[in-house]
Amino acid sequence: MDTGRKHNRLSARGVDALLRDGARTGRHADGGGLYLNVGKGGARRWVFLFRWNGRLREMGLGSAKAVTLARAREKATEARSLIAEGQNPIEVKRASAGVPDFGDFAKEVVRALRPGWRNEKHAKQWETTLESDASALARVPVNQIETDDILRVLKPIWLAKPETAGRVRGRIERVLDAATAKGYRAGENPARWKGHLDQLLPQRKKLSRGHHSALPYADVPGFMDRLAKREGMAAKALGFLILTAARSGEVRGARWEEMDLEAAVWTVPADRMKAGRAHRVPLSARAVEMLREVEPISGKSPSALVFPGQKGRPLSDMSLGAVLRRMDCGHTVHGFRSSFRDWAGEVSTFPREIAEAALAHVVGDATERAYRRGDALDKRRKLMDAWAGYALTAAAPSASVVPLRAMAGDA
């Protein structure tokens, strides 16, 4: 770092040369902490370097195209005078320029992004991350956040909570990128991973998720037979989930306005789907019967929940899992989707893409999906009817193989 003992090293002609294309990248000292910084991308800007509370700080003085050498020297002199008076020139500049603190600006970013997110839960997760996990940055002006600040937030959780740490880093990076776009910051993003933090932090441990424990499809008929004997809304919701191969949240949040019992179709709106696209589910005859059985309980008001919990609130995911525990089933609710997929692949002859479409999975690349405009509802109806026929038969699985293959022949 420049000691500041020799001032005015640069000349106007020398600065002109540095402003031309091909100038050597790096900091070019004028003295007294003033530098002309030539970035890799070609940006030329004046910066003033100084130490404050033992830390090296960098204060931007503007683009070299807009700020002359003489004006840059005046700004550097003003900054040195403030330091001599015991004032941090960056804080003085921020106060006059209205640069927000990280906490306030993060809220502004969340408000701006919120309309584009699928649901309110996602917005709440962002708010929690930025307010709690990144609380150490709350009162730091966005233009003063440096790599050391980011590391103070991440190091305590980097290995202990790898997934959380990854989300925290990514969201901080997004906020600081927005601050740059608003003109509050300049230079590299200190929360950037590739080529920056990846050199300072160890690789995060990948969470070993494994697969959701699934009941073997051969045991599904016997389980459904036992489940049919149980009372309670959670048991009914679980039975409907198994027959539709739907996700728990989709079933628990289902409302009557999504159901067309005459057409035997359940249309899950895009904002309740993981992929963010509306999904039509063909309903087997037994699935429709299940809906008619709960209709007198829930009332079938268009906005009413199909499978309401206590006081009309949605059932919790734990309530469906509790049914499994009471039945001594050591598998997961989500695992029934795997049971269905294994059955479709090993017992039936329905094409893979039809089974994947039934699970609302995205299949193929963007070009392939563009040509596949429809959702194969009629073919998926045959698949779901076959699955219901299998799942509701407590006989040995082998007894149902032949009719299933016959049904799939014209799929």
Protein backbone atom coordinates (compact mmCIF):
# COMPACT_ATOMS: atom_id res chain seq x y z
CA MET A 1 0.00 0.00 0.00
CA ASP A 2 1.11 3.55 -0.76
CA THR A 3 2.63 5.18 2.30
CA GLY A 4 1.35 8.59 1.30
CA ARG A 5 4.78 10.26 1.60
CA LYS A 6 5.07 11.08 -2.08
CA HIS A 7 2.12 12.82 -3.74
CA ASN A 8 1.19 13.67 -7.33
CA ARG A 9 3.10 10.83 -8.98
CA LEU A 10 0.75 10.67 -11.95
CA SER A 11 0.48 13.21 -14.73
CA ALA A 12 -2.49 14.16 -16.86
CA ARG A 13 -0.74 12.65 -19.88
CA GLY A 14 -0.01 9.46 -17.94
CA VAL A 15 -3.65 9.15 -16.90
CA ASP A 16 -4.72 9.60 -20.54
CA ALA A 17 -2.45 6.71 -21.44
CA LEU A 18 -3.97 4.53 -18.74
CA LEU A 19 -7.44 5.32 -20.03
CA ARG A 20 -6.61 3.85 -23.42
CA ASP A 21 -7.39 0.23 -24.24
CA GLY A 22 -4.68 -2.23 -23.30
CA ALA A 23 -3.52 -0.38 -20.18
CA ARG A 24 -1.95 -2.57 -17.52
CA THR A 25 -4.53 -3.76 -14.99
CA GLY A 26 -4.09 -3.03 -11.30
CA ARG A 27 -3.71 0.02 -9.08
CA HIS A 28 -1.59 2.92 -10.24
CA ALA A 29 -0.54 5.14 -7.30
CA ASP A 30 -0.68 8.91 -7.33
CA GLY A 31 0.34 9.14 -3.66
CA GLY A 32 -1.40 9.88 -0.40
CA GLY A 33 -3.69 6.87 -0.78
CA LEU A 34 -5.04 7.91 -4.19
CA TYR A 35 -4.99 5.28 -6.94
CA LEU A 36 -6.25 4.89 -10.47
CA ASN A 37 -7.65 1.37 -10.57
CA VAL A 38 -7.69 -0.39 -13.96
CA GLY A 39 -9.97 -3.44 -13.80
CA LYS A 40 -9.78 -6.62 -15.86
CA GLY A 41 -12.97 -5.66 -17.64
CA GLY A 42 -11.50 -2.33 -18.69
CA ALA A 43 -13.16 -0.16 -16.05
CA ARG A 44 -11.02 2.74 -14.83
CA ARG A 45 -11.93 4.37 -11.56
CA TRP A 46 -10.34 6.45 -8.82
CA VAL A 47 -10.07 4.90 -5.36
CA PHE A 48 -8.79 6.16 -2.04
CA LEU A 49 -7.23 3.59 0.31
CA PHE A 50 -6.89 4.19 4.02
CA ARG A 51 -6.83 2.31 7.31
CA TRP A 52 -9.68 2.57 9.78
CA ASN A 53 -9.70 0.68 13.07
CA GLY A 54 -6.84 -1.43 11.81
CA ARG A 55 -8.60 -2.46 8.60
CA LEU A 56 -7.72 -1.40 5.08
CA ARG A 57 -10.71 0.37 3.52
CA GLU A 58 -11.36 1.40 -0.07
CA MET A 59 -13.41 4.46 -0.97
CA GLY A 60 -14.56 4.94 -4.56
CA LEU A 61 -14.07 8.43 -5.97
CA GLY A 62 -15.74 7.93 -9.34
CA SER A 63 -15.01 6.88 -12.89
CA ALA A 64 -11.76 8.16 -14.37
CA LYS A 65 -13.68 9.19 -17.48
CA ALA A 66 -15.90 11.51 -15.44
CA VAL A 67 -13.48 12.61 -12.71
CA THR A 68 -10.29 14.38 -13.71
CA LEU A 69 -6.94 13.81 -12.02
CA ALA A 70 -7.16 17.24 -10.39
CA ARG A 71 -10.67 16.54 -9.01
CA ALA A 72 -9.60 13.09 -7.77
CA ARG A 73 -6.75 14.73 -5.86
CA GLU A 74 -9.21 17.20 -4.30
CA LYS A 75 -11.45 14.35 -3.17
CA ALA A 76 -8.48 12.46 -1.70
CA THR A 77 -7.42 15.62 0.20
CA GLU A 78 -10.96 16.00 1.58
CA ALA A 79 -10.90 12.37 2.72
CA ARG A 80 -7.54 12.76 4.43
CA SER A 81 -8.84 15.84 6.25
CA LEU A 82 -11.84 13.88 7.57
CA ILE A 83 -9.55 11.09 8.80
CA ALA A 84 -7.42 13.65 10.61
CA GLU A 85 -10.58 14.88 12.34
CA GLY A 86 -11.44 11.34 13.45
CA GLN A 87 -14.18 10.76 10.88
CA ASN A 88 -14.51 7.83 8.50
CA PRO A 89 -14.79 9.39 5.01
CA ILE A 90 -16.84 6.45 3.73
CA GLU A 91 -19.45 6.95 6.44
CA VAL A 92 -19.53 10.68 5.76
CA LYS A 93 -20.00 9.98 2.06
CA ARG A 94 -22.73 7.43 2.76
CA ALA A 95 -24.62 9.83 5.00
CA SER A 96 -24.63 12.46 2.28
CA ALA A 97 -25.41 10.02 -0.55
CA GLY A 98 -28.15 8.08 1.28
CA VAL A 99 -26.56 4.63 0.96
CA PRO A 100 -28.78 2.15 2.87
CA ASP A 101 -27.71 -0.42 5.42
CA PHE A 102 -27.75 -4.06 4.33
CA GLY A 103 -30.78 -4.93 6.48
CA ASP A 104 -32.97 -2.17 5.05
CA PHE A 105 -31.86 -2.77 1.49
CA ALA A 106 -32.40 -6.54 1.82
CA LYS A 107 -36.03 -5.87 2.72
CA GLU A 108 -36.33 -3.68 -0.36
CA VAL A 109 -34.92 -6.46 -2.54
CA VAL A 110 -37.33 -9.04 -1.10
CA ARG A 111 -40.27 -6.70 -1.77
CA ALA A 112 -39.13 -6.28 -5.38
CA LEU A 113 -38.66 -10.03 -5.98
CA ARG A 114 -41.72 -11.27 -4.09
CA PRO A 115 -44.24 -11.05 -7.00
CA GLY A 116 -42.09 -13.42 -9.06
CA TRP A 117 -41.91 -16.18 -6.45
CA ARG A 118 -44.27 -19.16 -6.48
CA ASN A 119 -45.58 -18.77 -2.96
CA GLU A 120 -45.36 -16.75 0.23
CA LYS A 121 -43.37 -19.49 1.95
CA HIS A 122 -40.42 -18.77 -0.35
CA ALA A 123 -40.54 -15.08 0.55
CA LYS A 124 -40.61 -15.93 4.27
CA GLN A 125 -37.54 -18.14 3.83
CA TRP A 126 -35.65 -15.25 2.23
CA GLU A 127 -36.69 -12.90 5.03
CA THR A 128 -35.60 -15.37 7.70
CA THR A 129 -32.24 -15.96 6.02
CA LEU A 130 -31.43 -12.28 5.61
CA GLU A 131 -32.75 -11.13 8.98
CA SER A 132 -31.50 -13.98 11.18
CA ASP A 133 -28.63 -15.81 9.50
CA ALA A 134 -27.13 -12.61 8.08
CA SER A 135 -27.97 -10.41 11.08
CA ALA A 136 -24.31 -9.40 11.49
CA LEU A 137 -24.65 -7.38 8.28
CA ALA A 138 -27.90 -5.64 9.19
CA ARG A 139 -26.43 -2.27 10.15
CA VAL A 140 -23.50 -2.28 7.73
CA PRO A 141 -23.90 0.06 4.74
CA VAL A 142 -24.12 -2.00 1.56
CA ASN A 143 -21.16 -0.16 0.03
CA GLN A 144 -18.91 -1.07 2.98
CA ILE A 145 -19.49 -4.83 3.04
CA GLU A 146 -16.27 -6.65 2.29
CA THR A 147 -15.06 -10.24 2.13
CA ASP A 148 -14.22 -10.34 5.84
CA ASP A 149 -17.81 -9.37 6.67
CA ILE A 150 -19.13 -12.24 4.54
CA LEU A 151 -16.74 -14.71 6.14
CA ARG A 152 -17.86 -13.67 9.64
CA VAL A 153 -21.40 -14.65 8.67
CA LEU A 154 -20.55 -17.89 6.89
CA LYS A 155 -17.72 -19.51 8.85
CA PRO A 156 -19.79 -20.46 11.96
CA ILE A 157 -22.32 -22.38 9.83
CA TRP A 158 -20.33 -23.37 6.76
CA LEU A 159 -19.63 -26.96 7.81
CA ALA A 160 -22.22 -27.37 10.58
CA LYS A 161 -25.19 -26.31 8.40
CA PRO A 162 -23.99 -26.63 4.80
CA GLU A 163 -27.33 -26.21 3.04
CA THR A 164 -28.27 -23.20 5.14
CA ALA A 165 -24.85 -21.67 4.57
CA GLY A 166 -25.19 -22.10 0.82
CA ARG A 167 -28.56 -20.36 0.79
CA VAL A 168 -27.25 -17.53 3.01
CA ARG A 169 -24.28 -16.91 0.73
CA GLY A 170 -26.40 -16.95 -2.42
CA ARG A 171 -28.98 -14.55 -1.04
CA ILE A 172 -26.36 -12.13 0.27
CA GLU A 173 -24.75 -12.19 -3.17
CA ARG A 174 -28.12 -11.40 -4.77
CA VAL A 175 -28.68 -8.43 -2.44
CA LEU A 176 -25.21 -7.02 -3.08
CA ASP A 177 -25.66 -7.44 -6.85
CA ALA A 178 -28.86 -5.41 -6.54
CA ALA A 179 -26.96 -2.76 -4.57
CA THR A 180 -24.45 -2.52 -7.41
CA ALA A 181 -27.27 -2.20 -9.94
CA LYS A 182 -28.74 0.65 -7.87
CA GLY A 183 -25.40 2.44 -7.85
CA TYR A 184 -24.71 1.95 -4.13
CA ARG A 185 -21.70 -0.32 -4.69
CA ALA A 186 -18.85 -0.66 -7.15
CA GLY A 187 -16.38 -3.44 -7.84
CA GLU A 188 -16.54 -7.19 -7.28
CA ASN A 189 -19.21 -8.86 -5.17
CA PRO A 190 -17.53 -10.13 -1.96
CA ALA A 191 -20.14 -12.92 -1.62
CA ARG A 192 -19.27 -14.40 -5.02
CA TRP A 193 -18.35 -18.09 -4.78
CA LYS A 194 -16.47 -19.04 -7.95
CA GLY A 195 -13.03 -17.57 -8.09
CA HIS A 196 -13.41 -15.84 -4.73
CA LEU A 197 -14.95 -17.48 -1.65
CA ASP A 198 -14.14 -20.93 -3.06
CA GLN A 199 -10.50 -19.98 -2.40
CA LEU A 200 -11.21 -19.06 1.23
CA LEU A 201 -13.72 -21.67 2.44
CA PRO A 202 -13.60 -25.47 2.30
CA GLN A 203 -15.98 -27.35 0.06
CA ARG A 204 -19.28 -27.80 1.86
CA LYS A 205 -20.30 -31.31 2.85
CA LYS A 206 -23.08 -32.50 0.62
CA LEU A 207 -26.15 -33.55 2.54
CA SER A 208 -26.72 -37.25 2.12
CA ARG A 209 -30.42 -37.30 1.43
CA GLY A 210 -30.80 -40.83 0.19
CA HIS A 211 -34.25 -41.74 -1.08
CA HIS A 212 -37.53 -41.37 0.73
CA SER A 213 -38.21 -44.77 2.27
CA ALA A 214 -40.90 -46.33 0.09
CA LEU A 215 -43.28 -49.20 0.72
CA PRO A 216 -42.55 -51.90 -1.89
CA TYR A 217 -45.29 -51.76 -4.52
CA ALA A 218 -46.08 -55.44 -3.88
CA ASP A 219 -47.19 -54.45 -0.35
CA VAL A 220 -49.39 -51.54 -1.42
CA PRO A 221 -52.61 -53.58 -1.94
CA GLY A 222 -52.42 -55.03 1.58
CA PHE A 223 -51.66 -51.59 3.02
CA MET A 224 -54.62 -50.01 1.21
CA ASP A 225 -56.87 -52.75 2.54
CA ARG A 226 -55.80 -51.94 6.10
CA LEU A 227 -55.98 -48.20 5.49
CA ALA A 228 -59.59 -48.42 4.31
CA LYS A 229 -60.58 -49.64 7.78
CA ARG A 230 -59.23 -46.52 9.50
CA GLU A 231 -61.30 -43.46 10.35
CA GLY A 232 -60.13 -39.88 10.30
CA MET A 233 -59.46 -37.23 7.69
CA ALA A 234 -55.70 -37.86 7.62
CA ALA A 235 -56.27 -41.53 6.69
CA LYS A 236 -58.66 -40.49 3.90
CA ALA A 237 -56.19 -37.92 2.60
CA LEU A 238 -53.42 -40.54 2.62
CA GLY A 239 -55.54 -42.98 0.63
CA PHE A 240 -56.32 -40.28 -1.94
CA LEU A 241 -52.62 -39.36 -2.12
CA ILE A 242 -51.64 -42.96 -2.88
CA LEU A 243 -54.23 -43.36 -5.66
CA THR A 244 -53.25 -40.06 -7.32
CA ALA A 245 -49.45 -40.37 -6.79
CA ALA A 246 -49.55 -36.73 -5.67
CA ARG A 247 -47.30 -34.90 -3.26
CA SER A 248 -48.41 -34.41 0.33
CA GLY A 249 -48.68 -30.61 0.06
CA GLU A 250 -50.79 -30.86 -3.09
CA VAL A 251 -53.31 -33.14 -1.35
CA ARG A 252 -53.38 -31.32 1.97
CA GLY A 253 -53.91 -27.96 0.23
CA ALA A 254 -56.50 -29.21 -2.27
CA ARG A 255 -59.70 -27.16 -2.48
CA TRP A 256 -63.03 -28.05 -4.00
CA GLU A 257 -62.69 -25.46 -6.74
CA GLU A 258 -59.86 -27.60 -8.13
CA MET A 259 -62.07 -30.69 -8.42
CA ASP A 260 -64.30 -31.60 -11.37
CA LEU A 261 -66.03 -34.75 -10.21
CA GLU A 262 -68.10 -35.10 -13.38
CA ALA A 263 -65.00 -35.05 -15.58
CA ALA A 264 -63.02 -36.91 -12.90
CA VAL A 265 -60.15 -34.41 -13.08
CA TRP A 266 -58.28 -32.58 -10.33
CA THR A 267 -56.47 -29.45 -11.56
CA VAL A 268 -53.71 -28.34 -9.21
CA PRO A 269 -52.92 -24.64 -9.86
CA ALA A 270 -49.40 -23.59 -10.78
CA ASP A 271 -48.75 -21.79 -7.49
CA ARG A 272 -49.17 -25.06 -5.57
CA MET A 273 -46.97 -27.16 -7.84
CA LYS A 274 -43.27 -27.70 -7.26
CA ALA A 275 -42.48 -27.02 -10.94
CA GLY A 276 -44.65 -23.90 -10.98
CA ARG A 277 -46.97 -25.27 -13.71
CA ALA A 278 -50.64 -26.25 -13.43
CA HIS A 279 -51.09 -30.02 -13.35
CA ARG A 280 -54.20 -32.05 -14.24
CA VAL A 281 -54.65 -35.30 -12.36
CA PRO A 282 -57.06 -37.89 -13.82
CA LEU A 283 -59.12 -39.41 -11.02
CA SER A 284 -59.92 -43.10 -10.87
CA ALA A 285 -63.44 -44.17 -9.92
CA ARG A 286 -62.32 -44.92 -6.36
CA ALA A 287 -60.58 -41.54 -6.05
CA VAL A 288 -63.86 -39.85 -7.02
CA GLU A 289 -65.71 -41.98 -4.47
CA MET A 290 -63.25 -40.87 -1.78
CA LEU A 291 -64.01 -37.24 -2.62
CA ARG A 292 -67.75 -37.83 -2.40
CA GLU A 293 -67.25 -39.49 0.99
CA VAL A 294 -65.55 -36.42 2.46
CA GLU A 295 -67.86 -33.93 0.73
CA PRO A 296 -70.46 -33.87 3.53
CA ILE A 297 -67.69 -33.19 6.08
CA SER A 298 -65.88 -30.37 4.30
CA GLY A 299 -69.00 -28.84 2.77
CA LYS A 300 -67.73 -28.40 -0.80
CA SER A 301 -67.65 -24.61 -0.70
CA PRO A 302 -65.41 -23.72 -3.69
CA SER A 303 -62.71 -22.33 -1.43
CA ALA A 304 -63.04 -25.02 1.25
CA LEU A 305 -60.31 -27.57 1.83
CA VAL A 306 -61.15 -31.02 0.55
CA PHE A 307 -59.37 -32.69 3.49
CA PRO A 308 -59.67 -30.18 6.35
CA GLY A 309 -57.90 -30.56 9.66
CA GLN A 310 -58.99 -29.18 13.00
CA LYS A 311 -60.90 -25.89 12.87
CA GLY A 312 -60.87 -25.99 9.07
CA ARG A 313 -57.10 -25.59 8.85
CA PRO A 314 -55.01 -27.72 6.47
CA LEU A 315 -53.77 -31.05 7.72
CA SER A 316 -50.09 -31.05 8.61
CA ASP A 317 -47.62 -33.34 6.90
CA MET A 318 -46.99 -34.85 10.32
CA SER A 319 -50.63 -35.94 10.55
CA LEU A 320 -50.26 -38.15 7.47
CA GLY A 321 -46.99 -39.52 8.81
CA ALA A 322 -48.75 -40.28 12.10
CA VAL A 323 -51.17 -42.56 10.24
CA LEU A 324 -48.20 -44.55 8.94
CA ARG A 325 -46.71 -44.83 12.42
CA ARG A 326 -49.97 -46.02 13.93
CA MET A 327 -50.11 -48.68 11.22
CA ASP A 328 -46.53 -49.74 12.00
CA CYS A 329 -45.44 -48.74 8.50
CA GLY A 330 -41.79 -47.75 8.65
CA HIS A 331 -41.88 -45.78 5.38
CA THR A 332 -42.59 -42.20 4.35
CA VAL A 333 -45.62 -40.48 2.86
CA HIS A 334 -43.59 -39.19 -0.07
CA GLY A 335 -42.29 -42.71 -0.65
CA PHE A 336 -45.64 -43.78 -2.10
CA ARG A 337 -44.73 -41.82 -5.23
CA SER A 338 -41.74 -44.14 -5.56
CA SER A 339 -43.99 -47.15 -4.97
CA PHE A 340 -46.17 -45.98 -7.86
CA ARG A 341 -43.16 -45.30 -10.11
CA ASP A 342 -41.59 -48.69 -9.40
CA TRP A 343 -44.90 -50.41 -10.15
CA ALA A 344 -45.34 -48.46 -13.38
CA GLY A 345 -41.84 -49.38 -14.54
CA GLU A 346 -41.74 -53.02 -13.44
CA VAL A 347 -45.32 -54.31 -13.64
CA SER A 348 -47.10 -52.22 -16.26
CA THR A 349 -46.04 -51.51 -19.86
CA PHE A 350 -46.99 -47.84 -19.85
CA PRO A 351 -44.26 -45.69 -21.44
CA ARG A 352 -41.77 -44.03 -19.12
CA GLU A 353 -42.81 -40.51 -20.15
CA ILE A 354 -46.44 -41.22 -19.19
CA ALA A 355 -45.42 -42.35 -15.71
CA GLU A 356 -43.15 -39.32 -15.32
CA ALA A 357 -45.97 -37.02 -16.47
CA ALA A 358 -48.26 -38.59 -13.86
CA LEU A 359 -45.71 -37.55 -11.23
CA ALA A 360 -45.56 -34.01 -12.74
CA HIS A 361 -41.89 -34.49 -13.51
CA VAL A 362 -40.27 -32.44 -16.29
CA VAL A 363 -39.09 -34.86 -18.99
CA GLY A 364 -36.74 -34.05 -21.87
CA ASP A 365 -34.90 -30.89 -22.87
CA ALA A 366 -36.50 -27.55 -23.69
CA THR A 367 -36.87 -28.41 -27.41
CA GLU A 368 -38.55 -31.74 -26.69
CA ARG A 369 -40.94 -30.13 -24.21
CA ALA A 370 -41.84 -27.42 -26.71
CA TYR A 371 -43.07 -30.03 -29.18
CA ARG A 372 -44.93 -31.96 -26.48
CA ARG A 373 -47.66 -29.38 -25.87
CA GLY A 374 -50.30 -31.67 -24.37
CA ASP A 375 -50.28 -33.36 -20.99
CA ALA A 376 -51.36 -36.84 -22.24
CA LEU A 377 -54.39 -36.76 -19.94
CA ASP A 378 -56.21 -39.65 -21.65
CA LYS A 379 -53.15 -41.89 -21.56
CA ARG A 380 -52.48 -40.95 -17.95
CA ARG A 381 -56.09 -41.76 -17.06
CA LYS A 382 -55.56 -45.34 -18.23
CA LEU A 383 -52.38 -45.48 -16.15
CA MET A 384 -54.08 -44.18 -12.98
CA ASP A 385 -57.06 -46.51 -13.47
CA ALA A 386 -54.64 -49.41 -13.74
CA TRP A 387 -52.78 -48.26 -10.62
CA ALA A 388 -56.03 -48.01 -8.67
CA GLY A 389 -57.02 -51.46 -9.86
CA TYR A 390 -53.72 -52.81 -8.60
CA ALA A 391 -53.55 -50.89 -5.34
CA LEU A 392 -57.12 -51.80 -4.33
CA THR A 393 -56.65 -55.52 -4.91
CA ALA A 394 -55.35 -57.29 -1.82
CA ALA A 395 -54.47 -60.37 -3.89
CA ALA A 396 -50.89 -61.32 -4.73
CA PRO A 397 -49.28 -58.89 -7.18
CA SER A 398 -48.67 -61.57 -9.79
CA ALA A 399 -52.41 -62.05 -10.20
CA SER A 400 -52.79 -58.53 -11.54
CA VAL A 401 -49.90 -58.44 -14.00
CA VAL A 402 -51.76 -59.81 -17.05
CA PRO A 403 -54.76 -57.44 -16.98
CA LEU A 404 -52.50 -54.45 -16.36
CA ARG A 405 -50.40 -55.20 -19.43
CA ALA A 406 -53.56 -55.62 -21.47
CA MET A 407 -54.80 -52.22 -20.33
CA ALA A 408 -51.48 -50.62 -21.21
CA GLY A 409 -51.39 -52.00 -24.71
CA ASP A 410 -53.20 -49.05 -26.29
CA ALA A 411 -51.60 -46.41 -24.03
